[in-house]
N, C-alpha and C. Protein backbone atom coordinates (compact mmCIF):
# COMPACT_ATOMS: atom_id res chain seq x y z
N MET A 1 17.23 14.74 83.28
CA MET A 1 15.92 14.09 83.10
C MET A 1 15.68 13.12 84.25
N LEU A 2 14.53 13.28 84.94
CA LEU A 2 14.23 12.42 86.07
C LEU A 2 13.57 11.14 85.59
N THR A 3 14.31 10.35 84.80
CA THR A 3 13.78 9.08 84.32
C THR A 3 14.94 8.16 84.06
N ALA A 4 14.73 6.87 84.23
CA ALA A 4 15.88 6.01 84.10
C ALA A 4 15.49 4.56 84.02
N ALA A 5 16.39 3.79 83.45
CA ALA A 5 16.28 2.35 83.57
C ALA A 5 16.89 1.93 84.88
N LEU A 6 17.71 2.80 85.50
CA LEU A 6 18.26 2.54 86.81
C LEU A 6 18.69 3.86 87.40
N GLY A 7 19.07 3.83 88.66
CA GLY A 7 19.53 5.03 89.33
C GLY A 7 18.45 6.03 89.64
N LEU A 8 17.20 5.59 89.63
CA LEU A 8 16.09 6.52 89.87
C LEU A 8 16.00 6.85 91.35
N LEU A 9 15.71 8.10 91.67
CA LEU A 9 15.53 8.51 93.05
C LEU A 9 14.14 8.12 93.52
N PHE A 10 14.07 7.37 94.63
CA PHE A 10 12.78 6.96 95.15
C PHE A 10 12.31 8.00 96.15
N VAL A 11 11.10 8.48 95.95
CA VAL A 11 10.68 9.65 96.71
C VAL A 11 9.51 9.40 97.65
N SER A 12 8.98 8.17 97.69
CA SER A 12 7.81 8.00 98.54
C SER A 12 7.71 6.59 99.05
N ASP A 13 7.19 6.42 100.25
CA ASP A 13 6.93 5.11 100.83
C ASP A 13 5.45 4.80 100.81
N ASN A 14 4.69 5.56 100.04
CA ASN A 14 3.24 5.35 100.01
C ASN A 14 2.90 3.99 99.44
N ALA A 15 1.71 3.53 99.74
CA ALA A 15 1.25 2.25 99.21
C ALA A 15 1.05 2.35 97.71
N ALA A 16 1.02 1.17 97.07
CA ALA A 16 0.86 1.14 95.62
C ALA A 16 -0.49 1.70 95.20
N GLN A 17 -0.52 2.20 93.95
CA GLN A 17 -1.77 2.75 93.42
C GLN A 17 -2.83 1.66 93.35
N LYS A 18 -4.08 2.02 93.49
CA LYS A 18 -5.15 1.04 93.40
C LYS A 18 -5.09 0.33 92.04
N PRO A 19 -5.30 -0.99 92.03
CA PRO A 19 -5.18 -1.74 90.78
C PRO A 19 -6.23 -1.39 89.75
N ASP A 20 -7.32 -0.74 90.16
CA ASP A 20 -8.38 -0.43 89.20
C ASP A 20 -8.23 0.98 88.62
N GLU A 21 -7.09 1.64 88.83
CA GLU A 21 -6.85 2.95 88.22
C GLU A 21 -6.87 2.82 86.70
N ASN A 22 -7.49 3.77 86.04
CA ASN A 22 -7.52 3.79 84.57
C ASN A 22 -6.37 4.66 84.08
N TYR A 23 -5.23 4.04 83.84
CA TYR A 23 -4.05 4.81 83.47
C TYR A 23 -4.14 5.37 82.05
N ALA A 24 -4.97 4.77 81.22
CA ALA A 24 -5.18 5.33 79.88
C ALA A 24 -5.81 6.72 79.99
N GLU A 25 -6.70 6.88 80.97
CA GLU A 25 -7.33 8.18 81.19
C GLU A 25 -6.41 9.13 81.96
N ILE A 26 -5.72 8.60 82.95
CA ILE A 26 -4.84 9.43 83.77
C ILE A 26 -3.75 10.08 82.94
N PHE A 27 -3.12 9.28 82.06
CA PHE A 27 -2.00 9.80 81.26
C PHE A 27 -2.44 10.26 79.87
N SER A 28 -3.66 9.98 79.53
CA SER A 28 -4.31 10.56 78.34
C SER A 28 -3.43 10.59 77.09
N ASP A 29 -3.04 11.76 76.63
CA ASP A 29 -2.27 11.91 75.39
C ASP A 29 -0.95 11.16 75.44
N ASN A 30 -0.28 11.18 76.60
CA ASN A 30 0.99 10.47 76.72
C ASN A 30 0.81 8.96 76.58
N TYR A 31 -0.30 8.47 77.12
CA TYR A 31 -0.59 7.04 76.99
C TYR A 31 -0.85 6.68 75.53
N GLN A 32 -1.63 7.50 74.85
CA GLN A 32 -1.93 7.24 73.44
C GLN A 32 -0.68 7.36 72.58
N GLN A 33 0.20 8.28 72.94
CA GLN A 33 1.46 8.41 72.22
C GLN A 33 2.29 7.14 72.34
N ALA A 34 2.30 6.56 73.54
CA ALA A 34 3.01 5.30 73.76
C ALA A 34 2.41 4.18 72.93
N MET A 35 1.10 4.12 72.87
CA MET A 35 0.43 3.09 72.08
C MET A 35 0.72 3.26 70.59
N ARG A 36 0.73 4.50 70.12
CA ARG A 36 1.03 4.75 68.71
C ARG A 36 2.45 4.32 68.35
N PHE A 37 3.36 4.54 69.28
CA PHE A 37 4.75 4.11 69.04
C PHE A 37 4.81 2.60 68.85
N LEU A 38 4.14 1.85 69.72
CA LEU A 38 4.17 0.39 69.62
C LEU A 38 3.47 -0.10 68.35
N GLN A 39 2.40 0.55 67.97
CA GLN A 39 1.69 0.17 66.74
C GLN A 39 2.52 0.44 65.51
N ALA A 40 3.31 1.51 65.55
CA ALA A 40 4.15 1.87 64.40
C ALA A 40 5.39 1.00 64.29
N GLU A 41 5.90 0.54 65.44
CA GLU A 41 7.12 -0.25 65.46
C GLU A 41 6.78 -1.74 65.53
N LYS A 42 6.27 -2.26 64.44
CA LYS A 42 5.81 -3.64 64.41
C LYS A 42 6.94 -4.65 64.60
N THR A 43 8.17 -4.26 64.26
CA THR A 43 9.29 -5.21 64.35
C THR A 43 9.66 -5.52 65.81
N ILE A 44 9.22 -4.68 66.74
CA ILE A 44 9.54 -4.95 68.14
C ILE A 44 9.05 -6.32 68.56
N ASP A 45 7.78 -6.62 68.25
CA ASP A 45 7.21 -7.92 68.62
C ASP A 45 7.97 -9.06 67.97
N SER A 46 8.29 -8.92 66.70
CA SER A 46 8.96 -10.02 65.98
C SER A 46 10.35 -10.29 66.55
N VAL A 47 11.06 -9.22 66.93
CA VAL A 47 12.39 -9.41 67.52
C VAL A 47 12.27 -10.12 68.86
N ILE A 48 11.31 -9.69 69.68
CA ILE A 48 11.12 -10.31 70.99
C ILE A 48 10.75 -11.78 70.84
N ILE A 49 9.87 -12.09 69.90
CA ILE A 49 9.48 -13.49 69.65
C ILE A 49 10.69 -14.30 69.21
N SER A 50 11.53 -13.72 68.37
CA SER A 50 12.73 -14.43 67.90
C SER A 50 13.69 -14.74 69.03
N ARG A 51 13.57 -14.01 70.13
CA ARG A 51 14.41 -14.27 71.31
C ARG A 51 13.75 -15.24 72.27
N GLY A 52 12.60 -15.79 71.88
CA GLY A 52 11.92 -16.77 72.71
C GLY A 52 11.14 -16.18 73.87
N LEU A 53 10.73 -14.90 73.74
CA LEU A 53 10.02 -14.22 74.82
C LEU A 53 8.62 -13.82 74.38
N ASN A 54 7.78 -13.50 75.36
CA ASN A 54 6.42 -13.05 75.12
C ASN A 54 6.43 -11.54 74.92
N PRO A 55 6.04 -11.04 73.73
CA PRO A 55 6.11 -9.60 73.46
C PRO A 55 5.33 -8.75 74.44
N LYS A 56 4.11 -9.15 74.78
CA LYS A 56 3.30 -8.33 75.69
C LYS A 56 3.93 -8.26 77.08
N GLU A 57 4.46 -9.38 77.55
CA GLU A 57 5.15 -9.38 78.84
C GLU A 57 6.37 -8.47 78.81
N ALA A 58 7.20 -8.66 77.77
CA ALA A 58 8.45 -7.91 77.69
C ALA A 58 8.20 -6.41 77.60
N VAL A 59 7.26 -6.02 76.76
CA VAL A 59 6.98 -4.60 76.55
C VAL A 59 6.35 -3.97 77.80
N ALA A 60 5.61 -4.77 78.56
CA ALA A 60 4.94 -4.23 79.75
C ALA A 60 5.92 -3.54 80.70
N VAL A 61 7.12 -4.10 80.84
CA VAL A 61 8.04 -3.54 81.83
C VAL A 61 8.58 -2.17 81.42
N ILE A 62 8.56 -1.87 80.12
CA ILE A 62 9.06 -0.57 79.67
C ILE A 62 7.92 0.37 79.25
N PHE A 63 6.69 -0.09 79.32
CA PHE A 63 5.59 0.75 78.86
C PHE A 63 5.49 2.08 79.62
N PRO A 64 5.67 2.10 80.95
CA PRO A 64 5.64 3.40 81.62
C PRO A 64 6.70 4.36 81.09
N GLU A 65 7.85 3.84 80.66
CA GLU A 65 8.88 4.71 80.10
C GLU A 65 8.41 5.34 78.79
N LEU A 66 7.63 4.59 78.01
CA LEU A 66 7.09 5.13 76.76
C LEU A 66 6.11 6.27 77.06
N ILE A 67 5.36 6.15 78.14
CA ILE A 67 4.43 7.21 78.54
C ILE A 67 5.21 8.48 78.86
N ARG A 68 6.34 8.32 79.51
CA ARG A 68 7.10 9.47 80.00
C ARG A 68 8.07 10.04 78.96
N TYR A 69 8.34 9.29 77.92
CA TYR A 69 9.38 9.69 76.96
C TYR A 69 9.06 11.01 76.28
N ASN A 70 10.06 11.88 76.24
CA ASN A 70 9.96 13.17 75.57
C ASN A 70 11.09 13.26 74.56
N SER A 71 10.77 13.18 73.27
CA SER A 71 11.79 13.10 72.23
C SER A 71 12.67 14.34 72.18
N ILE A 72 12.09 15.51 72.39
CA ILE A 72 12.87 16.75 72.34
C ILE A 72 13.87 16.79 73.50
N GLN A 73 13.38 16.47 74.69
CA GLN A 73 14.25 16.47 75.85
C GLN A 73 15.34 15.42 75.71
N ASP A 74 14.99 14.27 75.13
CA ASP A 74 15.94 13.18 74.92
C ASP A 74 17.08 13.64 74.01
N LYS A 75 16.75 14.31 72.93
CA LYS A 75 17.77 14.78 71.99
C LYS A 75 18.70 15.79 72.65
N ILE A 76 18.15 16.69 73.45
CA ILE A 76 18.97 17.70 74.13
C ILE A 76 19.94 17.03 75.09
N GLU A 77 19.43 16.06 75.85
CA GLU A 77 20.27 15.41 76.84
C GLU A 77 21.37 14.60 76.17
N ILE A 78 21.04 13.86 75.12
CA ILE A 78 22.04 13.07 74.43
C ILE A 78 23.12 13.95 73.83
N PHE A 79 22.70 15.03 73.18
CA PHE A 79 23.65 15.94 72.55
C PHE A 79 24.64 16.48 73.58
N ALA A 80 24.13 16.80 74.76
CA ALA A 80 24.96 17.42 75.78
C ALA A 80 25.90 16.43 76.47
N LEU A 81 25.52 15.16 76.55
CA LEU A 81 26.25 14.24 77.41
C LEU A 81 26.93 13.06 76.71
N GLU A 82 26.57 12.75 75.47
CA GLU A 82 27.11 11.54 74.87
C GLU A 82 28.63 11.62 74.67
N THR A 83 29.15 12.78 74.35
CA THR A 83 30.59 12.91 74.18
C THR A 83 31.33 12.64 75.49
N LEU A 84 30.79 13.15 76.59
CA LEU A 84 31.39 12.91 77.90
C LEU A 84 31.42 11.41 78.21
N TYR A 85 30.31 10.72 77.89
CA TYR A 85 30.26 9.29 78.17
C TYR A 85 31.28 8.53 77.33
N VAL A 86 31.33 8.80 76.04
CA VAL A 86 32.25 8.09 75.15
C VAL A 86 33.69 8.30 75.59
N GLN A 87 34.04 9.52 75.94
CA GLN A 87 35.42 9.83 76.28
C GLN A 87 35.82 9.37 77.68
N TYR A 88 34.90 9.53 78.65
CA TYR A 88 35.30 9.32 80.04
C TYR A 88 34.51 8.25 80.80
N GLY A 89 33.39 7.82 80.25
CA GLY A 89 32.64 6.75 80.89
C GLY A 89 31.46 7.22 81.72
N LYS A 90 30.77 6.26 82.33
CA LYS A 90 29.51 6.51 83.01
C LYS A 90 29.64 7.36 84.27
N LYS A 91 30.84 7.42 84.86
CA LYS A 91 31.02 8.25 86.05
C LYS A 91 30.88 9.73 85.72
N TYR A 92 31.14 10.08 84.47
CA TYR A 92 31.07 11.47 84.05
C TYR A 92 29.73 11.82 83.38
N ALA A 93 29.10 10.82 82.80
CA ALA A 93 27.82 11.07 82.13
C ALA A 93 27.03 9.77 82.05
N ASP A 94 25.91 9.72 82.74
CA ASP A 94 25.05 8.54 82.72
C ASP A 94 23.62 9.05 82.57
N PHE A 95 23.03 8.83 81.42
CA PHE A 95 21.78 9.50 81.06
C PHE A 95 20.86 8.54 80.34
N SER A 96 19.57 8.79 80.44
CA SER A 96 18.56 7.94 79.83
C SER A 96 18.47 8.21 78.33
N VAL A 97 18.40 7.14 77.55
CA VAL A 97 18.45 7.27 76.09
C VAL A 97 17.28 6.56 75.44
N SER A 98 16.67 7.21 74.46
CA SER A 98 15.64 6.64 73.58
C SER A 98 14.37 6.26 74.34
N GLU A 99 13.43 5.69 73.61
CA GLU A 99 12.09 5.43 74.15
C GLU A 99 12.10 4.52 75.37
N PHE A 100 13.02 3.57 75.42
CA PHE A 100 13.07 2.64 76.54
C PHE A 100 13.83 3.23 77.73
N GLN A 101 14.38 4.45 77.57
CA GLN A 101 15.08 5.16 78.64
C GLN A 101 16.17 4.30 79.29
N ILE A 102 17.07 3.80 78.46
CA ILE A 102 18.17 2.96 78.92
C ILE A 102 19.39 3.82 79.19
N LYS A 103 19.98 3.66 80.35
CA LYS A 103 21.21 4.37 80.67
C LYS A 103 22.42 3.54 80.25
N PRO A 104 23.51 4.19 79.87
CA PRO A 104 24.73 3.45 79.53
C PRO A 104 25.16 2.50 80.64
N SER A 105 25.05 2.94 81.89
CA SER A 105 25.46 2.09 83.01
C SER A 105 24.62 0.82 83.08
N PHE A 106 23.32 0.95 82.78
CA PHE A 106 22.44 -0.22 82.72
C PHE A 106 22.88 -1.17 81.62
N ALA A 107 23.16 -0.61 80.44
CA ALA A 107 23.59 -1.43 79.30
C ALA A 107 24.89 -2.15 79.61
N GLU A 108 25.83 -1.45 80.22
CA GLU A 108 27.11 -2.07 80.57
C GLU A 108 26.91 -3.24 81.52
N LYS A 109 26.10 -3.03 82.55
CA LYS A 109 25.92 -4.06 83.56
C LYS A 109 25.13 -5.24 83.02
N ILE A 110 24.13 -4.99 82.20
CA ILE A 110 23.33 -6.11 81.68
C ILE A 110 24.15 -6.96 80.72
N GLU A 111 25.08 -6.37 79.99
CA GLU A 111 25.98 -7.13 79.13
C GLU A 111 26.82 -8.10 79.96
N ILE A 112 27.42 -7.58 81.02
CA ILE A 112 28.27 -8.41 81.87
C ILE A 112 27.47 -9.50 82.56
N ASP A 113 26.30 -9.14 83.11
CA ASP A 113 25.47 -10.13 83.80
C ASP A 113 24.96 -11.19 82.84
N PHE A 114 24.66 -10.80 81.61
CA PHE A 114 24.21 -11.76 80.61
C PHE A 114 25.30 -12.79 80.34
N LEU A 115 26.51 -12.31 80.15
CA LEU A 115 27.63 -13.21 79.88
C LEU A 115 27.91 -14.13 81.07
N ASN A 116 27.68 -13.61 82.28
CA ASN A 116 27.96 -14.41 83.48
C ASN A 116 26.85 -15.40 83.81
N LYS A 117 25.59 -15.03 83.51
CA LYS A 117 24.46 -15.84 83.96
C LYS A 117 23.90 -16.77 82.90
N VAL A 118 24.08 -16.45 81.63
CA VAL A 118 23.50 -17.25 80.55
C VAL A 118 24.60 -18.03 79.86
N SER A 119 24.56 -19.34 79.98
CA SER A 119 25.65 -20.17 79.46
C SER A 119 25.33 -20.79 78.10
N ASP A 120 24.09 -20.71 77.66
CA ASP A 120 23.68 -21.32 76.40
C ASP A 120 24.41 -20.64 75.23
N GLN A 121 25.23 -21.40 74.53
CA GLN A 121 26.04 -20.82 73.45
C GLN A 121 25.18 -20.26 72.33
N GLU A 122 24.03 -20.87 72.07
CA GLU A 122 23.13 -20.36 71.04
C GLU A 122 22.65 -18.95 71.39
N LEU A 123 22.34 -18.75 72.67
CA LEU A 123 21.90 -17.43 73.09
C LEU A 123 23.03 -16.41 72.95
N LEU A 124 24.23 -16.81 73.33
CA LEU A 124 25.36 -15.90 73.23
C LEU A 124 25.61 -15.52 71.78
N THR A 125 25.46 -16.49 70.88
CA THR A 125 25.66 -16.23 69.46
C THR A 125 24.56 -15.33 68.92
N ARG A 126 23.32 -15.59 69.32
CA ARG A 126 22.17 -14.82 68.83
C ARG A 126 22.27 -13.36 69.26
N TYR A 127 22.73 -13.12 70.47
CA TYR A 127 22.82 -11.75 70.96
C TYR A 127 24.12 -11.07 70.56
N GLN A 128 25.07 -11.85 70.09
CA GLN A 128 26.33 -11.31 69.57
C GLN A 128 27.02 -10.37 70.55
N ILE A 129 27.16 -10.86 71.76
CA ILE A 129 27.89 -10.12 72.78
C ILE A 129 29.13 -10.92 73.17
N LYS A 130 30.27 -10.28 73.18
CA LYS A 130 31.52 -10.93 73.53
C LYS A 130 32.10 -10.27 74.77
N VAL A 131 32.95 -11.00 75.46
CA VAL A 131 33.59 -10.45 76.65
C VAL A 131 34.36 -9.19 76.30
N SER A 132 34.98 -9.18 75.13
CA SER A 132 35.76 -8.00 74.72
C SER A 132 34.89 -6.75 74.58
N ASP A 133 33.59 -6.93 74.37
CA ASP A 133 32.69 -5.79 74.25
C ASP A 133 32.51 -5.04 75.57
N THR A 134 32.80 -5.71 76.67
CA THR A 134 32.59 -5.11 77.99
C THR A 134 33.83 -4.37 78.50
N VAL A 135 34.92 -4.43 77.76
CA VAL A 135 36.13 -3.70 78.16
C VAL A 135 35.86 -2.20 78.08
N GLN A 136 36.32 -1.46 79.10
CA GLN A 136 36.09 -0.02 79.14
C GLN A 136 37.07 0.71 78.22
N ASN A 137 36.58 1.11 77.07
CA ASN A 137 37.36 1.96 76.16
C ASN A 137 36.39 2.78 75.32
N GLN A 138 36.91 3.78 74.64
CA GLN A 138 36.06 4.69 73.88
C GLN A 138 35.33 3.98 72.76
N GLU A 139 35.99 3.05 72.09
CA GLU A 139 35.36 2.34 70.97
C GLU A 139 34.13 1.58 71.42
N ASN A 140 34.26 0.85 72.53
CA ASN A 140 33.12 0.08 73.03
C ASN A 140 32.00 0.98 73.53
N ARG A 141 32.35 2.08 74.16
CA ARG A 141 31.31 3.00 74.64
C ARG A 141 30.56 3.65 73.48
N MET A 142 31.27 3.95 72.41
CA MET A 142 30.62 4.52 71.24
C MET A 142 29.67 3.50 70.60
N LYS A 143 30.12 2.25 70.49
CA LYS A 143 29.28 1.19 69.93
C LYS A 143 28.04 0.99 70.80
N ARG A 144 28.24 1.00 72.11
CA ARG A 144 27.12 0.78 73.04
C ARG A 144 26.09 1.90 72.91
N LEU A 145 26.56 3.12 72.82
CA LEU A 145 25.65 4.26 72.70
C LEU A 145 24.85 4.18 71.40
N LYS A 146 25.48 3.76 70.33
CA LYS A 146 24.77 3.60 69.06
C LYS A 146 23.69 2.52 69.17
N LYS A 147 24.00 1.46 69.89
CA LYS A 147 23.00 0.39 70.08
C LYS A 147 21.80 0.91 70.87
N ILE A 148 22.09 1.62 71.96
CA ILE A 148 21.00 2.12 72.80
C ILE A 148 20.10 3.06 72.03
N LYS A 149 20.68 3.84 71.11
CA LYS A 149 19.93 4.83 70.35
C LYS A 149 19.14 4.23 69.20
N SER A 150 19.41 2.99 68.84
CA SER A 150 18.72 2.36 67.72
C SER A 150 17.54 1.53 68.22
N LYS A 151 16.50 1.38 67.41
CA LYS A 151 15.34 0.59 67.79
C LYS A 151 15.74 -0.87 68.04
N ALA A 152 16.52 -1.43 67.13
CA ALA A 152 16.93 -2.83 67.27
C ALA A 152 17.77 -3.02 68.53
N GLY A 153 18.65 -2.06 68.80
CA GLY A 153 19.52 -2.17 69.96
C GLY A 153 18.78 -2.10 71.26
N MET A 154 17.83 -1.17 71.37
CA MET A 154 17.13 -1.03 72.65
C MET A 154 16.23 -2.24 72.91
N VAL A 155 15.66 -2.81 71.86
CA VAL A 155 14.87 -4.04 72.04
C VAL A 155 15.77 -5.18 72.49
N ASN A 156 16.97 -5.22 71.91
CA ASN A 156 17.92 -6.26 72.28
C ASN A 156 18.28 -6.16 73.77
N TYR A 157 18.50 -4.94 74.26
CA TYR A 157 18.82 -4.78 75.68
C TYR A 157 17.64 -5.17 76.55
N LEU A 158 16.43 -4.89 76.11
CA LEU A 158 15.25 -5.32 76.86
C LEU A 158 15.21 -6.84 76.96
N CYS A 159 15.52 -7.51 75.87
CA CYS A 159 15.53 -8.97 75.87
C CYS A 159 16.65 -9.52 76.74
N LEU A 160 17.81 -8.87 76.71
CA LEU A 160 18.91 -9.27 77.60
C LEU A 160 18.46 -9.19 79.05
N PHE A 161 17.77 -8.11 79.38
CA PHE A 161 17.27 -7.93 80.73
C PHE A 161 16.35 -9.08 81.11
N TRP A 162 15.42 -9.44 80.23
CA TRP A 162 14.50 -10.54 80.52
C TRP A 162 15.23 -11.86 80.69
N LYS A 163 16.22 -12.11 79.86
CA LYS A 163 16.98 -13.36 79.97
C LYS A 163 17.71 -13.44 81.31
N VAL A 164 18.32 -12.34 81.70
CA VAL A 164 19.04 -12.31 82.98
C VAL A 164 18.07 -12.50 84.14
N MET A 165 16.94 -11.79 84.11
CA MET A 165 15.98 -11.88 85.20
C MET A 165 15.32 -13.25 85.26
N ASN A 166 15.01 -13.83 84.11
CA ASN A 166 14.42 -15.18 84.09
C ASN A 166 15.38 -16.20 84.69
N THR A 167 16.66 -16.02 84.44
CA THR A 167 17.67 -16.92 84.99
C THR A 167 17.82 -16.74 86.49
N LYS A 168 17.75 -15.48 86.93
CA LYS A 168 17.94 -15.17 88.35
C LYS A 168 16.72 -15.48 89.18
N TYR A 169 15.53 -15.31 88.58
CA TYR A 169 14.27 -15.52 89.33
C TYR A 169 13.35 -16.46 88.55
N PRO A 170 13.66 -17.75 88.53
CA PRO A 170 12.87 -18.69 87.73
C PRO A 170 11.57 -19.15 88.38
N ASN A 171 11.37 -18.81 89.65
CA ASN A 171 10.24 -19.40 90.39
C ASN A 171 9.23 -18.37 90.90
N LEU A 172 9.06 -17.27 90.19
CA LEU A 172 8.02 -16.33 90.58
C LEU A 172 6.66 -16.99 90.39
N LYS A 173 5.73 -16.75 91.31
CA LYS A 173 4.53 -17.56 91.40
C LYS A 173 3.54 -17.37 90.27
N SER A 174 3.39 -16.15 89.78
CA SER A 174 2.35 -15.89 88.79
C SER A 174 2.86 -14.91 87.74
N GLN A 175 2.11 -14.80 86.65
CA GLN A 175 2.46 -13.85 85.60
C GLN A 175 2.41 -12.42 86.13
N GLU A 176 1.41 -12.13 86.96
CA GLU A 176 1.30 -10.79 87.52
C GLU A 176 2.50 -10.47 88.40
N GLU A 177 2.87 -11.39 89.26
CA GLU A 177 4.02 -11.15 90.13
C GLU A 177 5.28 -10.93 89.30
N LYS A 178 5.44 -11.71 88.25
CA LYS A 178 6.62 -11.61 87.40
C LYS A 178 6.69 -10.24 86.72
N ILE A 179 5.59 -9.81 86.13
CA ILE A 179 5.59 -8.53 85.42
C ILE A 179 5.81 -7.38 86.39
N ARG A 180 5.14 -7.41 87.53
CA ARG A 180 5.32 -6.35 88.52
C ARG A 180 6.77 -6.32 89.03
N PHE A 181 7.30 -7.48 89.32
CA PHE A 181 8.64 -7.57 89.87
C PHE A 181 9.68 -7.14 88.83
N PHE A 182 9.57 -7.66 87.61
CA PHE A 182 10.52 -7.31 86.55
C PHE A 182 10.44 -5.82 86.20
N ALA A 183 9.22 -5.28 86.16
CA ALA A 183 9.06 -3.87 85.84
C ALA A 183 9.74 -3.00 86.89
N THR A 184 9.53 -3.34 88.15
CA THR A 184 10.16 -2.58 89.22
C THR A 184 11.67 -2.69 89.15
N ALA A 185 12.16 -3.88 88.87
CA ALA A 185 13.61 -4.09 88.76
C ALA A 185 14.20 -3.29 87.61
N TYR A 186 13.51 -3.26 86.49
CA TYR A 186 13.98 -2.51 85.32
C TYR A 186 14.09 -1.03 85.64
N ASN A 187 13.13 -0.51 86.35
CA ASN A 187 13.06 0.92 86.60
C ASN A 187 13.89 1.35 87.80
N SER A 188 14.40 0.40 88.57
CA SER A 188 15.19 0.77 89.74
C SER A 188 16.60 0.20 89.59
N ARG A 189 16.90 -0.82 90.37
CA ARG A 189 18.21 -1.47 90.29
C ARG A 189 17.97 -2.96 90.21
N TYR A 190 18.03 -3.54 89.03
CA TYR A 190 17.67 -4.96 88.89
C TYR A 190 18.63 -5.87 89.63
N TRP A 191 19.83 -5.39 89.92
CA TRP A 191 20.83 -6.19 90.63
C TRP A 191 20.65 -6.13 92.14
N ALA A 192 19.72 -5.33 92.63
CA ALA A 192 19.45 -5.25 94.07
C ALA A 192 18.89 -6.59 94.56
N SER A 193 18.82 -6.74 95.87
CA SER A 193 18.27 -7.98 96.42
C SER A 193 16.79 -8.08 96.13
N ARG A 194 16.27 -9.27 96.23
CA ARG A 194 14.83 -9.48 96.00
C ARG A 194 14.01 -8.66 96.99
N GLN A 195 14.48 -8.59 98.23
CA GLN A 195 13.75 -7.83 99.25
C GLN A 195 13.70 -6.34 98.90
N GLU A 196 14.80 -5.81 98.39
CA GLU A 196 14.83 -4.40 98.01
C GLU A 196 13.87 -4.12 96.86
N ILE A 197 13.91 -4.98 95.85
CA ILE A 197 13.03 -4.79 94.69
C ILE A 197 11.58 -4.88 95.11
N GLU A 198 11.25 -5.84 95.95
CA GLU A 198 9.88 -5.99 96.42
C GLU A 198 9.44 -4.77 97.24
N SER A 199 10.36 -4.18 97.98
CA SER A 199 9.99 -2.98 98.75
C SER A 199 9.69 -1.81 97.82
N PHE A 200 10.40 -1.72 96.68
CA PHE A 200 10.15 -0.66 95.71
C PHE A 200 8.79 -0.84 95.03
N MET A 201 8.31 -2.08 94.96
CA MET A 201 7.06 -2.36 94.27
C MET A 201 5.87 -1.65 94.91
N ALA A 202 5.99 -1.31 96.18
CA ALA A 202 4.87 -0.67 96.88
C ALA A 202 4.97 0.84 96.89
N LYS A 203 5.95 1.40 96.17
CA LYS A 203 6.18 2.84 96.24
C LYS A 203 5.65 3.58 95.02
N LYS A 204 5.28 4.80 95.23
CA LYS A 204 4.86 5.69 94.15
C LYS A 204 6.00 6.66 93.86
N TYR A 205 6.63 6.49 92.72
CA TYR A 205 7.71 7.40 92.35
C TYR A 205 7.66 7.77 90.87
N PHE A 206 6.77 7.16 90.11
CA PHE A 206 6.69 7.44 88.68
C PHE A 206 5.87 8.70 88.42
N HIS A 207 6.42 9.58 87.59
CA HIS A 207 5.66 10.76 87.18
C HIS A 207 6.12 11.19 85.80
N THR A 208 5.30 11.98 85.13
CA THR A 208 5.61 12.39 83.76
C THR A 208 6.08 13.83 83.68
N GLY A 209 5.95 14.58 84.75
CA GLY A 209 6.34 15.99 84.72
C GLY A 209 7.78 16.21 85.13
N LEU A 210 8.29 17.42 84.90
CA LEU A 210 9.64 17.77 85.29
C LEU A 210 9.71 18.21 86.74
N SER A 211 8.58 18.58 87.32
CA SER A 211 8.56 19.07 88.69
C SER A 211 8.46 17.92 89.68
N ILE A 212 9.17 18.05 90.80
CA ILE A 212 9.11 17.01 91.83
C ILE A 212 7.76 17.01 92.53
N THR A 213 6.97 18.04 92.28
CA THR A 213 5.63 18.10 92.89
C THR A 213 4.58 17.41 92.02
N SER A 214 4.96 16.91 90.85
CA SER A 214 4.01 16.21 89.97
C SER A 214 3.42 15.00 90.70
N ALA A 215 2.21 14.64 90.33
CA ALA A 215 1.56 13.48 90.93
C ALA A 215 2.41 12.23 90.68
N LYS A 216 2.53 11.38 91.71
CA LYS A 216 3.34 10.18 91.63
C LYS A 216 2.44 8.94 91.52
N TYR A 217 2.91 7.96 90.76
CA TYR A 217 2.16 6.72 90.55
C TYR A 217 3.08 5.52 90.73
N ASN A 218 2.47 4.37 90.81
CA ASN A 218 3.22 3.14 91.01
C ASN A 218 3.61 2.54 89.66
N TYR A 219 4.90 2.40 89.42
CA TYR A 219 5.41 1.93 88.12
C TYR A 219 4.90 0.51 87.80
N ALA A 220 4.95 -0.37 88.79
CA ALA A 220 4.52 -1.75 88.57
C ALA A 220 3.04 -1.84 88.22
N ASP A 221 2.22 -0.98 88.85
CA ASP A 221 0.79 -0.96 88.56
C ASP A 221 0.54 -0.57 87.10
N ILE A 222 1.30 0.41 86.62
CA ILE A 222 1.12 0.86 85.23
C ILE A 222 1.52 -0.25 84.27
N ALA A 223 2.61 -0.93 84.56
CA ALA A 223 3.06 -2.04 83.70
C ALA A 223 2.01 -3.14 83.64
N TRP A 224 1.44 -3.50 84.81
CA TRP A 224 0.44 -4.56 84.86
C TRP A 224 -0.85 -4.12 84.18
N TYR A 225 -1.21 -2.86 84.35
CA TYR A 225 -2.40 -2.32 83.69
C TYR A 225 -2.27 -2.47 82.17
N TYR A 226 -1.11 -2.07 81.61
CA TYR A 226 -0.90 -2.19 80.17
C TYR A 226 -1.03 -3.65 79.73
N PHE A 227 -0.43 -4.55 80.48
CA PHE A 227 -0.46 -5.97 80.09
C PHE A 227 -1.88 -6.50 80.02
N GLN A 228 -2.75 -6.03 80.88
CA GLN A 228 -4.12 -6.53 80.95
C GLN A 228 -5.01 -6.01 79.82
N GLN A 229 -4.57 -4.96 79.14
CA GLN A 229 -5.41 -4.40 78.10
C GLN A 229 -5.39 -5.28 76.86
N PRO A 230 -6.52 -5.37 76.14
CA PRO A 230 -6.58 -6.22 74.94
C PRO A 230 -5.69 -5.67 73.81
């Protein structure tokens, strides 16, 4: 599956999509499917609020993934690869999981970075992540995969991502810059340098089709477009 929370192949140096693109029309049924998912999963907002974050901001960075998500393809990929991951780790199988398209490697790294960057004991207790959880063994990989596949777990990883990014980049100038930057980081390599992430922000690499010839769009533009909608 050519979709990821990280490890995505960047295929174009083109300028970003025009900000006035109507992505609701461009993605049509897929866009409406994403909106229906958010309307049905009311607990997502409440969990994000309980973590001290803005739900619309947080969801914006993963909204393009909801547009692209294919439940049938997701099930096939998980069935084929989850055993390899549990037994041997991310080097043997690293695949996008569930609506937020989180890869095990992303989950592993965000756990470690969260423990290293966030020192508030209340936050550590609330997220219930321990250093022992990051040890590479089959038990931890199985637990991690179950978290990624659950609604509560994937929202939790999204919040972990926001906490880590807020700590690393506390001085972004505007809400728009923050959402665009965080969205690009989520979809590429959030641990890359600021210059690398900013360079990705101007590229068109997002698409919903399986073919590499599918029309490409700017991920950050789609995230910002969603945030602006009432």
